[in-house]
Amino acid sequence: MSTATKQANFLLPEDLLEELKKAVSKRQQSKVVADALKKELKRLKLEKVLNTSFGAWKDKDHPEFKEGTEAYVRRLRKSTRLSRLQ
C-alpha cells in the first residue's frame, strides 16, 4: 500500500544537511528524514502522555499495595492456592 506524499520545505542546519548528503543517497534522503520525523513525533507523543498522566496513581486509592506489589502478589497467590486445595 502506498502513502500519498507531499513536498515540504524545511530549514536545516547546514552541517546536518551536509551529513545527510554524505551518508544517504539522494533517492533515500526523503525516506530517512520522514522515518526520523515519525520516530521523533512518536517520542514526543509518548512524552506528552507520560507528563499528563503523572500523578494519576494515588497511594490512598490503592491501600492493598502499601507493603509493595510483591507482598500483594504473594497474598493473591497464597489465597488461590488455598482455594485449589479445598
Protein backbone atom coordinates (compact mmCIF):
# COMPACT_ATOMS: atom_id res chain seq x y z
CA MET A 1 0.00 0.00 0.00
CA SER A 2 1.45 3.37 -0.97
CA THR A 3 1.05 6.55 1.02
CA ALA A 4 0.48 9.85 -0.74
CA THR A 5 3.37 12.25 -0.42
CA LYS A 6 3.57 15.98 -0.46
CA GLN A 7 6.55 18.27 -0.78
CA ALA A 8 7.50 20.36 2.23
CA ASN A 9 10.25 22.90 2.72
CA PHE A 10 12.26 22.86 5.92
CA LEU A 11 15.28 24.77 7.06
CA LEU A 12 18.01 22.52 8.43
CA PRO A 13 21.34 23.42 9.94
CA GLU A 14 23.94 23.37 7.18
CA ASP A 15 26.15 20.81 8.92
CA LEU A 16 23.20 18.45 9.40
CA LEU A 17 22.24 18.72 5.74
CA GLU A 18 25.82 18.03 4.65
CA GLU A 19 25.99 15.00 6.91
CA LEU A 20 22.71 13.70 5.44
CA LYS A 21 24.03 14.17 1.89
CA LYS A 22 27.27 12.33 2.72
CA ALA A 23 25.57 9.43 4.48
CA VAL A 24 22.47 8.86 2.34
CA SER A 25 21.92 8.71 -1.41
CA LYS A 26 19.70 11.41 -2.96
CA ARG A 27 16.99 8.83 -3.64
CA GLN A 28 16.78 7.85 0.03
CA GLN A 29 17.12 11.22 1.77
CA SER A 30 13.38 11.96 1.96
CA LYS A 31 12.70 8.49 3.38
CA VAL A 32 15.42 8.88 6.03
CA VAL A 33 14.11 12.30 7.07
CA ALA A 34 10.49 11.04 7.13
CA ASP A 35 11.46 7.99 9.24
CA ALA A 36 13.39 10.16 11.69
CA LEU A 37 10.48 12.60 11.94
CA LYS A 38 7.99 9.78 12.58
CA LYS A 39 10.21 8.41 15.33
CA GLU A 40 10.60 11.83 16.97
CA LEU A 41 6.87 12.60 16.76
CA LYS A 42 6.10 9.24 18.38
CA ARG A 43 8.58 10.04 21.18
CA LEU A 44 7.05 13.49 21.73
CA LYS A 45 3.54 12.00 21.86
CA LEU A 46 4.65 9.42 24.44
CA GLU A 47 6.40 12.10 26.49
CA LYS A 48 3.21 14.20 26.48
CA VAL A 49 1.09 11.24 27.61
CA LEU A 50 3.54 10.42 30.39
CA ASN A 51 3.61 14.04 31.57
CA THR A 52 -0.18 14.41 31.58
CA SER A 53 -0.72 11.10 33.39
CA PHE A 54 1.98 11.70 36.02
CA GLY A 55 0.44 11.65 39.47
CA ALA A 56 -2.72 9.85 38.35
CA TRP A 57 -1.91 6.97 40.69
CA LYS A 58 -2.72 7.86 44.29
CA ASP A 59 -1.48 5.63 47.10
CA LYS A 60 -4.59 6.36 49.15
CA ASP A 61 -6.72 4.83 46.37
CA HIS A 62 -4.74 1.57 46.48
CA PRO A 63 -4.02 0.63 50.09
CA GLU A 64 -3.53 -3.00 49.05
CA PHE A 65 -0.12 -2.02 47.67
CA LYS A 66 1.06 -0.29 50.85
CA GLU A 67 3.53 -3.10 51.58
CA GLY A 68 4.64 -3.26 47.94
CA THR A 69 3.44 -5.14 44.89
CA GLU A 70 5.48 -8.25 45.72
CA ALA A 71 3.67 -8.70 49.05
CA TYR A 72 0.31 -8.11 47.32
CA VAL A 73 1.02 -10.72 44.63
CA ARG A 74 2.21 -13.23 47.25
CA ARG A 75 -1.05 -12.77 49.18
CA LEU A 76 -3.05 -13.32 46.00
CA ARG A 77 -1.13 -16.45 45.11
CA LYS A 78 -1.44 -17.81 48.64
CA SER A 79 -5.21 -17.28 48.64
CA THR A 80 -5.68 -19.02 45.28
CA ARG A 81 -3.50 -21.96 46.36
CA LEU A 82 -5.70 -22.47 49.42
CA SER A 83 -8.88 -22.47 47.35
CA ARG A 84 -7.41 -25.00 44.90
CA LEU A 85 -6.53 -27.37 47.74
CA GLN A 86 -10.09 -27.47 49.05
